[in-house]
Amino acid sequence: MQIQTDFLQQDPSSWDINEQCNISRHSVQQLKVVSDAAERGISLIQNFNFVITNQEEQKQYLLQVVERHHQQFPV
């Protein structure tokens, strides 16, 4: 990201007036946050959805099992 980090060596109380800090803060605030765990889960269920069964009842059961597992073992 090529963010300057020199300001980190200074007293944090001076960061608000430090131009490097303000530029870095703005750059970080523009980042899009992505949940890798959620994306992996979606990908996994989509793959299972096409591979495991073509029967709608079985798909619904699979979704319930995945949801129950997620509740028992949160990320």
N, C-alpha and C. Protein backbone atom coordinates (compact mmCIF):
# COMPACT_ATOMS: atom_id res chain seq x y z
N MET A 1 0.82 -1.20 0.00
CA MET A 1 0.00 0.00 0.00
C MET A 1 0.86 1.26 0.00
N GLN A 2 2.14 1.10 0.25
CA GLN A 2 3.07 2.23 0.24
C GLN A 2 2.65 3.33 1.21
N ILE A 3 2.24 2.93 2.39
CA ILE A 3 1.86 3.89 3.44
C ILE A 3 3.10 4.23 4.25
N GLN A 4 3.31 5.51 4.48
CA GLN A 4 4.42 5.95 5.32
C GLN A 4 4.13 5.59 6.77
N THR A 5 5.12 5.07 7.46
CA THR A 5 4.93 4.66 8.85
C THR A 5 5.85 5.41 9.82
N ASP A 6 6.57 6.39 9.33
CA ASP A 6 7.49 7.14 10.19
C ASP A 6 6.78 7.77 11.38
N PHE A 7 5.56 8.18 11.20
CA PHE A 7 4.82 8.85 12.28
C PHE A 7 4.58 7.93 13.47
N LEU A 8 4.69 6.62 13.27
CA LEU A 8 4.47 5.67 14.35
C LEU A 8 5.54 5.79 15.44
N GLN A 9 6.67 6.36 15.10
CA GLN A 9 7.75 6.55 16.07
C GLN A 9 7.51 7.78 16.96
N GLN A 10 6.54 8.59 16.60
CA GLN A 10 6.24 9.80 17.35
C GLN A 10 5.17 9.52 18.41
N ASP A 11 5.00 10.48 19.29
CA ASP A 11 3.99 10.39 20.33
C ASP A 11 2.60 10.36 19.68
N PRO A 12 1.77 9.38 20.04
CA PRO A 12 0.43 9.27 19.43
C PRO A 12 -0.43 10.52 19.58
N SER A 13 -0.17 11.33 20.60
CA SER A 13 -0.98 12.54 20.76
C SER A 13 -0.71 13.55 19.63
N SER A 14 0.40 13.37 18.90
CA SER A 14 0.71 14.29 17.80
C SER A 14 0.24 13.77 16.45
N TRP A 15 -0.33 12.60 16.41
CA TRP A 15 -0.73 12.00 15.14
C TRP A 15 -1.80 12.79 14.41
N ASP A 16 -2.71 13.40 15.14
CA ASP A 16 -3.81 14.14 14.50
C ASP A 16 -3.32 15.31 13.65
N ILE A 17 -2.19 15.87 13.99
CA ILE A 17 -1.66 17.00 13.23
C ILE A 17 -0.57 16.59 12.26
N ASN A 18 -0.24 15.32 12.22
CA ASN A 18 0.81 14.82 11.34
C ASN A 18 0.23 14.51 9.97
N GLU A 19 0.77 15.12 8.93
CA GLU A 19 0.24 14.94 7.58
C GLU A 19 0.37 13.50 7.10
N GLN A 20 1.51 12.86 7.37
CA GLN A 20 1.69 11.46 6.97
C GLN A 20 0.64 10.57 7.61
N CYS A 21 0.39 10.81 8.87
CA CYS A 21 -0.62 10.02 9.58
C CYS A 21 -2.00 10.22 8.97
N ASN A 22 -2.35 11.45 8.67
CA ASN A 22 -3.67 11.74 8.09
C ASN A 22 -3.83 11.11 6.71
N ILE A 23 -2.78 11.14 5.91
CA ILE A 23 -2.82 10.51 4.59
C ILE A 23 -2.97 9.00 4.74
N SER A 24 -2.19 8.43 5.66
CA SER A 24 -2.26 6.98 5.90
C SER A 24 -3.63 6.58 6.42
N ARG A 25 -4.16 7.36 7.34
CA ARG A 25 -5.49 7.08 7.91
C ARG A 25 -6.55 7.09 6.80
N HIS A 26 -6.47 8.08 5.93
CA HIS A 26 -7.44 8.17 4.82
C HIS A 26 -7.33 6.94 3.91
N SER A 27 -6.10 6.53 3.60
CA SER A 27 -5.89 5.36 2.73
C SER A 27 -6.48 4.10 3.36
N VAL A 28 -6.25 3.92 4.64
CA VAL A 28 -6.75 2.72 5.32
C VAL A 28 -8.28 2.75 5.41
N GLN A 29 -8.85 3.92 5.64
CA GLN A 29 -10.31 4.01 5.74
C GLN A 29 -11.00 3.72 4.42
N GLN A 30 -10.28 3.85 3.31
CA GLN A 30 -10.87 3.59 1.99
C GLN A 30 -10.85 2.10 1.63
N LEU A 31 -10.17 1.28 2.44
CA LEU A 31 -10.09 -0.14 2.15
C LEU A 31 -11.45 -0.81 2.30
N LYS A 32 -11.72 -1.76 1.44
CA LYS A 32 -12.94 -2.54 1.54
C LYS A 32 -12.65 -3.75 2.42
N VAL A 33 -13.45 -3.92 3.44
CA VAL A 33 -13.26 -5.03 4.37
C VAL A 33 -14.00 -6.25 3.83
N VAL A 34 -13.31 -7.38 3.81
CA VAL A 34 -13.87 -8.60 3.27
C VAL A 34 -13.75 -9.69 4.32
N SER A 35 -14.79 -10.45 4.48
CA SER A 35 -14.76 -11.58 5.40
C SER A 35 -14.36 -12.83 4.63
N ASP A 36 -13.09 -13.22 4.79
CA ASP A 36 -12.61 -14.41 4.10
C ASP A 36 -13.39 -15.65 4.52
N ALA A 37 -13.73 -15.73 5.81
CA ALA A 37 -14.48 -16.89 6.29
C ALA A 37 -15.84 -16.98 5.61
N ALA A 38 -16.50 -15.85 5.47
CA ALA A 38 -17.82 -15.85 4.82
C ALA A 38 -17.69 -16.22 3.35
N GLU A 39 -16.68 -15.70 2.69
CA GLU A 39 -16.50 -16.02 1.28
C GLU A 39 -16.18 -17.50 1.09
N ARG A 40 -15.36 -18.05 1.97
CA ARG A 40 -15.04 -19.49 1.88
C ARG A 40 -16.30 -20.32 2.12
N GLY A 41 -17.12 -19.90 3.09
CA GLY A 41 -18.35 -20.62 3.37
C GLY A 41 -19.31 -20.60 2.20
N ILE A 42 -19.44 -19.46 1.57
CA ILE A 42 -20.32 -19.34 0.41
C ILE A 42 -19.81 -20.21 -0.73
N SER A 43 -18.51 -20.16 -0.96
CA SER A 43 -17.92 -20.98 -2.03
C SER A 43 -18.12 -22.46 -1.74
N LEU A 44 -17.91 -22.84 -0.49
CA LEU A 44 -18.06 -24.25 -0.11
C LEU A 44 -19.49 -24.74 -0.35
N ILE A 45 -20.47 -23.97 0.09
CA ILE A 45 -21.86 -24.43 -0.06
C ILE A 45 -22.26 -24.41 -1.53
N GLN A 46 -21.74 -23.48 -2.32
CA GLN A 46 -22.06 -23.48 -3.75
C GLN A 46 -21.47 -24.71 -4.43
N ASN A 47 -20.26 -25.07 -4.05
CA ASN A 47 -19.65 -26.28 -4.63
C ASN A 47 -20.43 -27.52 -4.23
N PHE A 48 -20.77 -27.61 -2.94
CA PHE A 48 -21.57 -28.76 -2.48
C PHE A 48 -22.92 -28.79 -3.15
N ASN A 49 -23.49 -27.63 -3.34
CA ASN A 49 -24.82 -27.54 -3.94
C ASN A 49 -24.85 -28.19 -5.32
N PHE A 50 -23.78 -28.07 -6.07
CA PHE A 50 -23.75 -28.64 -7.41
C PHE A 50 -23.23 -30.07 -7.44
N VAL A 51 -22.44 -30.46 -6.45
CA VAL A 51 -21.78 -31.76 -6.50
C VAL A 51 -22.55 -32.84 -5.75
N ILE A 52 -23.02 -32.53 -4.56
CA ILE A 52 -23.57 -33.56 -3.68
C ILE A 52 -24.92 -34.10 -4.15
N THR A 53 -25.86 -33.23 -4.43
CA THR A 53 -27.20 -33.70 -4.74
C THR A 53 -27.94 -32.73 -5.66
N ASN A 54 -28.87 -33.28 -6.38
CA ASN A 54 -29.75 -32.46 -7.20
C ASN A 54 -31.14 -32.37 -6.61
N GLN A 55 -31.35 -33.06 -5.49
CA GLN A 55 -32.68 -33.08 -4.87
C GLN A 55 -32.80 -31.90 -3.89
N GLU A 56 -33.84 -31.12 -4.07
CA GLU A 56 -34.05 -29.92 -3.27
C GLU A 56 -34.13 -30.24 -1.78
N GLU A 57 -34.79 -31.30 -1.40
CA GLU A 57 -34.92 -31.66 0.02
C GLU A 57 -33.54 -31.93 0.63
N GLN A 58 -32.69 -32.61 -0.10
CA GLN A 58 -31.35 -32.91 0.39
C GLN A 58 -30.51 -31.62 0.49
N LYS A 59 -30.70 -30.70 -0.43
CA LYS A 59 -29.98 -29.43 -0.38
C LYS A 59 -30.38 -28.65 0.88
N GLN A 60 -31.67 -28.64 1.18
CA GLN A 60 -32.15 -27.93 2.36
C GLN A 60 -31.59 -28.56 3.63
N TYR A 61 -31.54 -29.88 3.66
CA TYR A 61 -30.99 -30.58 4.81
C TYR A 61 -29.52 -30.22 4.98
N LEU A 62 -28.78 -30.22 3.89
CA LEU A 62 -27.36 -29.87 3.93
C LEU A 62 -27.17 -28.46 4.48
N LEU A 63 -27.99 -27.52 4.04
CA LEU A 63 -27.89 -26.15 4.54
C LEU A 63 -28.16 -26.09 6.04
N GLN A 64 -29.10 -26.88 6.51
CA GLN A 64 -29.40 -26.91 7.94
C GLN A 64 -28.22 -27.49 8.73
N VAL A 65 -27.59 -28.51 8.20
CA VAL A 65 -26.44 -29.12 8.87
C VAL A 65 -25.29 -28.10 8.96
N VAL A 66 -25.04 -27.41 7.86
CA VAL A 66 -23.97 -26.41 7.84
C VAL A 66 -24.28 -25.30 8.85
N GLU A 67 -25.50 -24.84 8.88
CA GLU A 67 -25.89 -23.78 9.81
C GLU A 67 -25.75 -24.24 11.26
N ARG A 68 -26.18 -25.44 11.57
CA ARG A 68 -26.06 -25.99 12.92
C ARG A 68 -24.59 -26.09 13.32
N HIS A 69 -23.75 -26.55 12.39
CA HIS A 69 -22.32 -26.65 12.67
C HIS A 69 -21.73 -25.27 12.93
N HIS A 70 -22.15 -24.29 12.16
CA HIS A 70 -21.67 -22.93 12.33
C HIS A 70 -22.06 -22.37 13.71
N GLN A 71 -23.24 -22.70 14.17
CA GLN A 71 -23.69 -22.24 15.49
C GLN A 71 -22.89 -22.92 16.59
N GLN A 72 -22.57 -24.20 16.42
CA GLN A 72 -21.83 -24.93 17.45
C GLN A 72 -20.35 -24.55 17.48
N PHE A 73 -19.81 -24.20 16.30
CA PHE A 73 -18.39 -23.90 16.21
C PHE A 73 -18.18 -22.56 15.48
N PRO A 74 -18.48 -21.45 16.17
CA PRO A 74 -18.34 -20.15 15.52
C PRO A 74 -16.89 -19.87 15.14
N VAL A 75 -16.75 -19.09 14.09
CA VAL A 75 -15.41 -18.74 13.57
C VAL A 75 -14.73 -17.77 14.49
